[in-house]
Amino acid sequence: MFGRIGVPELLLIAAVILLIFGPKRLPEIGKSIGKGLREFRSASKDFQRTLDEEPDEKEEEKKEDKKGHEGPQPSEDSEEEQQDD
């Protein structure tokens, strides 16, 4: 449906926008749209970097957890109690 927008359709859309907003406001609208797109791209790149960095941090945390939590160590007292029984 929207995949085949040609030159005549784009000219019609531009004419309608020009009639609605007028020639004085078009530069302002263009600037605001440009700023919005720039901010969106920046935010999406930051988000992508965050997603790319997270797996590395999670793997390091898992390695540290495995080293620190190897399970309960039997105490010397419990071994002596078992030998006395």
PDB file of N, CA and C in Angstrom:
ATOM      1  N   MET A   1       0.825  -1.182   0.000  1.00  0.00           N
ATOM      2  CA  MET A   1       0.000   0.000   0.000  1.00  0.00           C
ATOM      3  C   MET A   1       0.874   1.253   0.000  1.00  0.00           C
ATOM      4  N   PHE A   2       1.835   1.357   0.969  1.00  0.00           N
ATOM      5  CA  PHE A   2       2.675   2.538   1.048  1.00  0.00           C
ATOM      6  C   PHE A   2       4.018   2.334   0.353  1.00  0.00           C
ATOM      7  N   GLY A   3       4.259   1.177  -0.159  1.00  0.00           N
ATOM      8  CA  GLY A   3       5.545   0.866  -0.764  1.00  0.00           C
ATOM      9  C   GLY A   3       5.783   1.548  -2.090  1.00  0.00           C
ATOM     10  N   ARG A   4       4.747   2.061  -2.732  1.00  0.00           N
ATOM     11  CA  ARG A   4       4.907   2.621  -4.074  1.00  0.00           C
ATOM     12  C   ARG A   4       4.551   4.101  -4.109  1.00  0.00           C
ATOM     13  N   ILE A   5       5.231   4.883  -3.293  1.00  0.00           N
ATOM     14  CA  ILE A   5       5.012   6.324  -3.341  1.00  0.00           C
ATOM     15  C   ILE A   5       5.996   6.898  -4.345  1.00  0.00           C
ATOM     16  N   GLY A   6       5.485   7.515  -5.357  1.00  0.00           N
ATOM     17  CA  GLY A   6       6.324   8.073  -6.401  1.00  0.00           C
ATOM     18  C   GLY A   6       6.454   9.577  -6.285  1.00  0.00           C
ATOM     19  N   VAL A   7       7.019  10.175  -7.308  1.00  0.00           N
ATOM     20  CA  VAL A   7       7.240  11.621  -7.326  1.00  0.00           C
ATOM     21  C   VAL A   7       5.924  12.400  -7.288  1.00  0.00           C
ATOM     22  N   PRO A   8       4.910  12.031  -8.061  1.00  0.00           N
ATOM     23  CA  PRO A   8       3.657  12.798  -8.004  1.00  0.00           C
ATOM     24  C   PRO A   8       3.015  12.794  -6.612  1.00  0.00           C
ATOM     25  N   GLU A   9       3.084  11.651  -5.948  1.00  0.00           N
ATOM     26  CA  GLU A   9       2.509  11.568  -4.609  1.00  0.00           C
ATOM     27  C   GLU A   9       3.279  12.439  -3.631  1.00  0.00           C
ATOM     28  N   LEU A  10       4.618  12.421  -3.722  1.00  0.00           N
ATOM     29  CA  LEU A  10       5.439  13.256  -2.843  1.00  0.00           C
ATOM     30  C   LEU A  10       5.175  14.737  -3.074  1.00  0.00           C
ATOM     31  N   LEU A  11       4.999  15.143  -4.331  1.00  0.00           N
ATOM     32  CA  LEU A  11       4.686  16.539  -4.640  1.00  0.00           C
ATOM     33  C   LEU A  11       3.333  16.932  -4.056  1.00  0.00           C
ATOM     34  N   LEU A  12       2.361  16.049  -4.142  1.00  0.00           N
ATOM     35  CA  LEU A  12       1.042  16.310  -3.567  1.00  0.00           C
ATOM     36  C   LEU A  12       1.129  16.471  -2.051  1.00  0.00           C
ATOM     37  N   ILE A  13       1.870  15.593  -1.402  1.00  0.00           N
ATOM     38  CA  ILE A  13       2.044  15.692   0.055  1.00  0.00           C
ATOM     39  C   ILE A  13       2.731  16.998   0.418  1.00  0.00           C
ATOM     40  N   ALA A  14       3.776  17.386  -0.316  1.00  0.00           N
ATOM     41  CA  ALA A  14       4.485  18.636  -0.048  1.00  0.00           C
ATOM     42  C   ALA A  14       3.562  19.834  -0.238  1.00  0.00           C
ATOM     43  N   ALA A  15       2.709  19.803  -1.262  1.00  0.00           N
ATOM     44  CA  ALA A  15       1.781  20.911  -1.503  1.00  0.00           C
ATOM     45  C   ALA A  15       0.773  21.028  -0.360  1.00  0.00           C
ATOM     46  N   VAL A  16       0.271  19.921   0.122  1.00  0.00           N
ATOM     47  CA  VAL A  16      -0.691  19.941   1.226  1.00  0.00           C
ATOM     48  C   VAL A  16      -0.031  20.484   2.487  1.00  0.00           C
ATOM     49  N   ILE A  17       1.185  20.052   2.770  1.00  0.00           N
ATOM     50  CA  ILE A  17       1.906  20.553   3.946  1.00  0.00           C
ATOM     51  C   ILE A  17       2.153  22.053   3.822  1.00  0.00           C
ATOM     52  N   LEU A  18       2.515  22.502   2.628  1.00  0.00           N
ATOM     53  CA  LEU A  18       2.750  23.928   2.406  1.00  0.00           C
ATOM     54  C   LEU A  18       1.472  24.733   2.631  1.00  0.00           C
ATOM     55  N   LEU A  19       0.343  24.212   2.173  1.00  0.00           N
ATOM     56  CA  LEU A  19      -0.930  24.903   2.382  1.00  0.00           C
ATOM     57  C   LEU A  19      -1.331  24.944   3.857  1.00  0.00           C
ATOM     58  N   ILE A  20      -1.078  23.865   4.568  1.00  0.00           N
ATOM     59  CA  ILE A  20      -1.481  23.798   5.973  1.00  0.00           C
ATOM     60  C   ILE A  20      -0.622  24.708   6.845  1.00  0.00           C
ATOM     61  N   PHE A  21       0.693  24.612   6.718  1.00  0.00           N
ATOM     62  CA  PHE A  21       1.584  25.324   7.631  1.00  0.00           C
ATOM     63  C   PHE A  21       2.067  26.667   7.092  1.00  0.00           C
ATOM     64  N   GLY A  22       2.101  26.844   5.809  1.00  0.00           N
ATOM     65  CA  GLY A  22       2.580  28.102   5.226  1.00  0.00           C
ATOM     66  C   GLY A  22       4.090  28.103   5.047  1.00  0.00           C
ATOM     67  N   PRO A  23       4.556  28.984   4.179  1.00  0.00           N
ATOM     68  CA  PRO A  23       5.999  28.993   3.872  1.00  0.00           C
ATOM     69  C   PRO A  23       6.865  29.518   5.013  1.00  0.00           C
ATOM     70  N   LYS A  24       6.309  30.301   5.925  1.00  0.00           N
ATOM     71  CA  LYS A  24       7.111  30.853   7.018  1.00  0.00           C
ATOM     72  C   LYS A  24       7.428  29.819   8.094  1.00  0.00           C
ATOM     73  N   ARG A  25       6.535  28.879   8.305  1.00  0.00           N
ATOM     74  CA  ARG A  25       6.729  27.887   9.373  1.00  0.00           C
ATOM     75  C   ARG A  25       7.456  26.640   8.915  1.00  0.00           C
ATOM     76  N   LEU A  26       7.598  26.428   7.615  1.00  0.00           N
ATOM     77  CA  LEU A  26       8.244  25.209   7.118  1.00  0.00           C
ATOM     78  C   LEU A  26       9.690  25.063   7.602  1.00  0.00           C
ATOM     79  N   PRO A  27      10.514  26.119   7.591  1.00  0.00           N
ATOM     80  CA  PRO A  27      11.883  25.939   8.113  1.00  0.00           C
ATOM     81  C   PRO A  27      11.914  25.537   9.587  1.00  0.00           C
ATOM     82  N   GLU A  28      11.008  26.097  10.384  1.00  0.00           N
ATOM     83  CA  GLU A  28      10.944  25.732  11.795  1.00  0.00           C
ATOM     84  C   GLU A  28      10.562  24.261  11.963  1.00  0.00           C
ATOM     85  N   ILE A  29       9.600  23.841  11.198  1.00  0.00           N
ATOM     86  CA  ILE A  29       9.150  22.446  11.268  1.00  0.00           C
ATOM     87  C   ILE A  29      10.274  21.513  10.830  1.00  0.00           C
ATOM     88  N   GLY A  30      10.972  21.891   9.771  1.00  0.00           N
ATOM     89  CA  GLY A  30      12.096  21.081   9.293  1.00  0.00           C
ATOM     90  C   GLY A  30      13.192  20.949  10.336  1.00  0.00           C
ATOM     91  N   LYS A  31      13.513  22.062  11.002  1.00  0.00           N
ATOM     92  CA  LYS A  31      14.536  22.025  12.047  1.00  0.00           C
ATOM     93  C   LYS A  31      14.109  21.133  13.204  1.00  0.00           C
ATOM     94  N   SER A  32      12.864  21.259  13.622  1.00  0.00           N
ATOM     95  CA  SER A  32      12.408  20.456  14.753  1.00  0.00           C
ATOM     96  C   SER A  32      12.363  18.967  14.402  1.00  0.00           C
ATOM     97  N   ILE A  33      11.983  18.648  13.184  1.00  0.00           N
ATOM     98  CA  ILE A  33      11.979  17.248  12.748  1.00  0.00           C
ATOM     99  C   ILE A  33      13.414  16.725  12.698  1.00  0.00           C
ATOM    100  N   GLY A  34      14.334  17.545  12.189  1.00  0.00           N
ATOM    101  CA  GLY A  34      15.740  17.140  12.134  1.00  0.00           C
ATOM    102  C   GLY A  34      16.319  16.890  13.512  1.00  0.00           C
ATOM    103  N   LYS A  35      16.009  17.783  14.463  1.00  0.00           N
ATOM    104  CA  LYS A  35      16.495  17.596  15.827  1.00  0.00           C
ATOM    105  C   LYS A  35      15.916  16.325  16.446  1.00  0.00           C
ATOM    106  N   GLY A  36      14.645  16.096  16.203  1.00  0.00           N
ATOM    107  CA  GLY A  36      14.012  14.898  16.742  1.00  0.00           C
ATOM    108  C   GLY A  36      14.630  13.626  16.193  1.00  0.00           C
ATOM    109  N   LEU A  37      14.891  13.611  14.889  1.00  0.00           N
ATOM    110  CA  LEU A  37      15.519  12.428  14.286  1.00  0.00           C
ATOM    111  C   LEU A  37      16.934  12.226  14.816  1.00  0.00           C
ATOM    112  N   ARG A  38      17.668  13.316  14.979  1.00  0.00           N
ATOM    113  CA  ARG A  38      19.030  13.228  15.492  1.00  0.00           C
ATOM    114  C   ARG A  38      19.040  12.670  16.918  1.00  0.00           C
ATOM    115  N   GLU A  39      18.138  13.147  17.760  1.00  0.00           N
ATOM    116  CA  GLU A  39      18.049  12.657  19.133  1.00  0.00           C
ATOM    117  C   GLU A  39      17.630  11.191  19.167  1.00  0.00           C
ATOM    118  N   PHE A  40      16.711  10.829  18.288  1.00  0.00           N
ATOM    119  CA  PHE A  40      16.270   9.435  18.230  1.00  0.00           C
ATOM    120  C   PHE A  40      17.420   8.523  17.834  1.00  0.00           C
ATOM    121  N   ARG A  41      18.197   8.915  16.835  1.00  0.00           N
ATOM    122  CA  ARG A  41      19.349   8.109  16.414  1.00  0.00           C
ATOM    123  C   ARG A  41      20.359   7.983  17.544  1.00  0.00           C
ATOM    124  N   SER A  42      20.619   9.088  18.218  1.00  0.00           N
ATOM    125  CA  SER A  42      21.579   9.073  19.325  1.00  0.00           C
ATOM    126  C   SER A  42      21.104   8.144  20.440  1.00  0.00           C
ATOM    127  N   ALA A  43      19.837   8.247  20.776  1.00  0.00           N
ATOM    128  CA  ALA A  43      19.287   7.391  21.833  1.00  0.00           C
ATOM    129  C   ALA A  43      19.320   5.925  21.423  1.00  0.00           C
ATOM    130  N   SER A  44      19.015   5.632  20.168  1.00  0.00           N
ATOM    131  CA  SER A  44      19.025   4.233  19.732  1.00  0.00           C
ATOM    132  C   SER A  44      20.444   3.678  19.713  1.00  0.00           C
ATOM    133  N   LYS A  45      21.434   4.505  19.359  1.00  0.00           N
ATOM    134  CA  LYS A  45      22.826   4.043  19.394  1.00  0.00           C
ATOM    135  C   LYS A  45      23.273   3.777  20.827  1.00  0.00           C
ATOM    136  N   ASP A  46      22.896   4.664  21.748  1.00  0.00           N
ATOM    137  CA  ASP A  46      23.239   4.460  23.156  1.00  0.00           C
ATOM    138  C   ASP A  46      22.586   3.185  23.688  1.00  0.00           C
ATOM    139  N   PHE A  47      21.354   2.972  23.314  1.00  0.00           N
ATOM    140  CA  PHE A  47      20.642   1.772  23.745  1.00  0.00           C
ATOM    141  C   PHE A  47      21.312   0.518  23.191  1.00  0.00           C
ATOM    142  N   GLN A  48      21.717   0.571  21.937  1.00  0.00           N
ATOM    143  CA  GLN A  48      22.390  -0.575  21.312  1.00  0.00           C
ATOM    144  C   GLN A  48      23.718  -0.855  22.009  1.00  0.00           C
ATOM    145  N   ARG A  49      24.470   0.205  22.346  1.00  0.00           N
ATOM    146  CA  ARG A  49      25.733   0.019  23.074  1.00  0.00           C
ATOM    147  C   ARG A  49      25.477  -0.617  24.432  1.00  0.00           C
ATOM    148  N   THR A  50      24.414  -0.196  25.090  1.00  0.00           N
ATOM    149  CA  THR A  50      24.080  -0.757  26.393  1.00  0.00           C
ATOM    150  C   THR A  50      23.763  -2.240  26.268  1.00  0.00           C
ATOM    151  N   LEU A  51      23.022  -2.609  25.251  1.00  0.00           N
ATOM    152  CA  LEU A  51      22.694  -4.019  25.044  1.00  0.00           C
ATOM    153  C   LEU A  51      23.938  -4.832  24.715  1.00  0.00           C
ATOM    154  N   ASP A  52      24.858  -4.252  23.962  1.00  0.00           N
ATOM    155  CA  ASP A  52      26.076  -4.967  23.597  1.00  0.00           C
ATOM    156  C   ASP A  52      26.996  -5.158  24.798  1.00  0.00           C
ATOM    157  N   GLU A  53      27.002  -4.217  25.748  1.00  0.00           N
ATOM    158  CA  GLU A  53      27.884  -4.292  26.901  1.00  0.00           C
ATOM    159  C   GLU A  53      27.332  -5.185  28.002  1.00  0.00           C
ATOM    160  N   GLU A  54      26.044  -5.320  28.139  1.00  0.00           N
ATOM    161  CA  GLU A  54      25.440  -6.064  29.237  1.00  0.00           C
ATOM    162  C   GLU A  54      25.861  -7.519  29.322  1.00  0.00           C
ATOM    163  N   PRO A  55      25.887  -8.281  28.232  1.00  0.00           N
ATOM    164  CA  PRO A  55      26.251  -9.693  28.378  1.00  0.00           C
ATOM    165  C   PRO A  55      27.642  -9.885  28.983  1.00  0.00           C
ATOM    166  N   ASP A  56      28.594  -9.022  28.654  1.00  0.00           N
ATOM    167  CA  ASP A  56      29.929  -9.141  29.215  1.00  0.00           C
ATOM    168  C   ASP A  56      29.903  -8.940  30.716  1.00  0.00           C
ATOM    169  N   GLU A  57      29.163  -7.941  31.188  1.00  0.00           N
ATOM    170  CA  GLU A  57      29.082  -7.668  32.615  1.00  0.00           C
ATOM    171  C   GLU A  57      28.390  -8.809  33.347  1.00  0.00           C
ATOM    172  N   LYS A  58      27.346  -9.364  32.767  1.00  0.00           N
ATOM    173  CA  LYS A  58      26.623 -10.453  33.413  1.00  0.00           C
ATOM    174  C   LYS A  58      27.504 -11.698  33.505  1.00  0.00           C
ATOM    175  N   GLU A  59      28.306 -11.985  32.462  1.00  0.00           N
ATOM    176  CA  GLU A  59      29.184 -13.141  32.497  1.00  0.00           C
ATOM    177  C   GLU A  59      30.224 -12.991  33.596  1.00  0.00           C
ATOM    178  N   GLU A  60      30.761 -11.779  33.769  1.00  0.00           N
ATOM    179  CA  GLU A  60      31.743 -11.547  34.817  1.00  0.00           C
ATOM    180  C   GLU A  60      31.116 -11.747  36.192  1.00  0.00           C
ATOM    181  N   GLU A  61      29.878 -11.272  36.369  1.00  0.00           N
ATOM    182  CA  GLU A  61      29.196 -11.444  37.646  1.00  0.00           C
ATOM    183  C   GLU A  61      28.955 -12.920  37.940  1.00  0.00           C
ATOM    184  N   LYS A  62      28.599 -13.685  36.925  1.00  0.00           N
ATOM    185  CA  LYS A  62      28.361 -15.115  37.117  1.00  0.00           C
ATOM    186  C   LYS A  62      29.652 -15.823  37.521  1.00  0.00           C
ATOM    187  N   LYS A  63      30.768 -15.440  36.882  1.00  0.00           N
ATOM    188  CA  LYS A  63      32.050 -16.054  37.224  1.00  0.00           C
ATOM    189  C   LYS A  63      32.425 -15.746  38.666  1.00  0.00           C
ATOM    190  N   GLU A  64      32.185 -14.489  39.095  1.00  0.00           N
ATOM    191  CA  GLU A  64      32.492 -14.113  40.466  1.00  0.00           C
ATOM    192  C   GLU A  64      31.598 -14.854  41.447  1.00  0.00           C
ATOM    193  N   ASP A  65      30.329 -15.035  41.106  1.00  0.00           N
ATOM    194  CA  ASP A  65      29.408 -15.758  41.981  1.00  0.00           C
ATOM    195  C   ASP A  65      29.842 -17.211  42.143  1.00  0.00           C
ATOM    196  N   LYS A  66      30.286 -17.829  41.054  1.00  0.00           N
ATOM    197  CA  LYS A  66      30.715 -19.224  41.127  1.00  0.00           C
ATOM    198  C   LYS A  66      31.958 -19.370  41.991  1.00  0.00           C
ATOM    199  N   LYS A  67      32.875 -18.423  41.911  1.00  0.00           N
ATOM    200  CA  LYS A  67      34.087 -18.488  42.708  1.00  0.00           C
ATOM    201  C   LYS A  67      33.775 -18.257  44.188  1.00  0.00           C
ATOM    202  N   GLY A  68      32.898 -17.330  44.476  1.00  0.00           N
ATOM    203  CA  GLY A  68      32.601 -16.967  45.851  1.00  0.00           C
ATOM    204  C   GLY A  68      31.638 -17.911  46.547  1.00  0.00           C
ATOM    205  N   HIS A  69      30.807 -18.608  45.800  1.00  0.00           N
ATOM    206  CA  HIS A  69      29.774 -19.463  46.375  1.00  0.00           C
ATOM    207  C   HIS A  69      29.919 -20.885  45.851  1.00  0.00           C
ATOM    208  N   GLU A  70      30.920 -21.581  46.373  1.00  0.00           N
ATOM    209  CA  GLU A  70      31.127 -22.951  45.915  1.00  0.00           C
ATOM    210  C   GLU A  70      30.310 -23.946  46.726  1.00  0.00           C
ATOM    211  N   GLY A  71      29.541 -23.450  47.638  1.00  0.00           N
ATOM    212  CA  GLY A  71      28.730 -24.328  48.457  1.00  0.00           C
ATOM    213  C   GLY A  71      29.237 -24.317  49.884  1.00  0.00           C
ATOM    214  N   PRO A  72      28.472 -24.887  50.795  1.00  0.00           N
ATOM    215  CA  PRO A  72      28.881 -24.869  52.210  1.00  0.00           C
ATOM    216  C   PRO A  72      30.079 -25.789  52.430  1.00  0.00           C
ATOM    217  N   GLN A  73      31.046 -25.291  53.165  1.00  0.00           N
ATOM    218  CA  GLN A  73      32.221 -26.067  53.513  1.00  0.00           C
ATOM    219  C   GLN A  73      31.971 -26.735  54.855  1.00  0.00           C
ATOM    220  N   PRO A  74      32.283 -27.998  54.974  1.00  0.00           N
ATOM    221  CA  PRO A  74      32.085 -28.651  56.273  1.00  0.00           C
ATOM    222  C   PRO A  74      33.066 -28.088  57.287  1.00  0.00           C
ATOM    223  N   SER A  75      32.570 -27.871  58.474  1.00  0.00           N
ATOM    224  CA  SER A  75      33.426 -27.330  59.522  1.00  0.00           C
ATOM    225  C   SER A  75      34.191 -28.468  60.197  1.00  0.00           C
ATOM    226  N   GLU A  76      35.247 -28.111  60.912  1.00  0.00           N
ATOM    227  CA  GLU A  76      36.056 -29.124  61.585  1.00  0.00           C
ATOM    228  C   GLU A  76      35.279 -29.771  62.726  1.00  0.00           C
ATOM    229  N   ASP A  77      34.380 -28.998  63.347  1.00  0.00           N
ATOM    230  CA  ASP A  77      33.590 -29.527  64.458  1.00  0.00           C
ATOM    231  C   ASP A  77      32.683 -30.650  63.989  1.00  0.00           C
ATOM    232  N   SER A  78      32.086 -30.504  62.841  1.00  0.00           N
ATOM    233  CA  SER A  78      31.161 -31.521  62.365  1.00  0.00           C
ATOM    234  C   SER A  78      31.909 -32.799  62.019  1.00  0.00           C
ATOM    235  N   GLU A  79      33.142 -32.703  61.574  1.00  0.00           N
ATOM    236  CA  GLU A  79      33.913 -33.910  61.259  1.00  0.00           C
ATOM    237  C   GLU A  79      34.254 -34.664  62.549  1.00  0.00           C
ATOM    238  N   GLU A  80      34.597 -33.906  63.595  1.00  0.00           N
ATOM    239  CA  GLU A  80      34.924 -34.558  64.867  1.00  0.00           C
ATOM    240  C   GLU A  80      33.704 -35.237  65.453  1.00  0.00           C
ATOM    241  N   GLU A  81      32.527 -34.611  65.312  1.00  0.00           N
ATOM    242  CA  GLU A  81      31.311 -35.206  65.825  1.00  0.00           C
ATOM    243  C   GLU A  81      30.990 -36.500  65.116  1.00  0.00           C
ATOM    244  N   GLN A  82      31.242 -36.537  63.801  1.00  0.00           N
ATOM    245  CA  GLN A  82      30.957 -37.737  63.037  1.00  0.00           C
ATOM    246  C   GLN A  82      31.915 -38.867  63.443  1.00  0.00           C
ATOM    247  N   GLN A  83      33.154 -38.543  63.773  1.00  0.00           N
ATOM    248  CA  GLN A  83      34.114 -39.557  64.162  1.00  0.00           C
ATOM    249  C   GLN A  83      33.784 -40.106  65.551  1.00  0.00           C
ATOM    250  N   ASP A  84      33.246 -39.272  66.440  1.00  0.00           N
ATOM    251  CA  ASP A  84      32.920 -39.713  67.782  1.00  0.00           C
ATOM    252  C   ASP A  84      31.728 -40.675  67.782  1.00  0.00           C
ATOM    253  N   ASP A  85      30.824 -40.561  66.826  1.00  0.00           N
ATOM    254  CA  ASP A  85      29.629 -41.414  66.798  1.00  0.00           C
ATOM    255  C   ASP A  85      29.954 -42.775  66.406  1.00  0.00           C
TER     256      ASP A  85
END
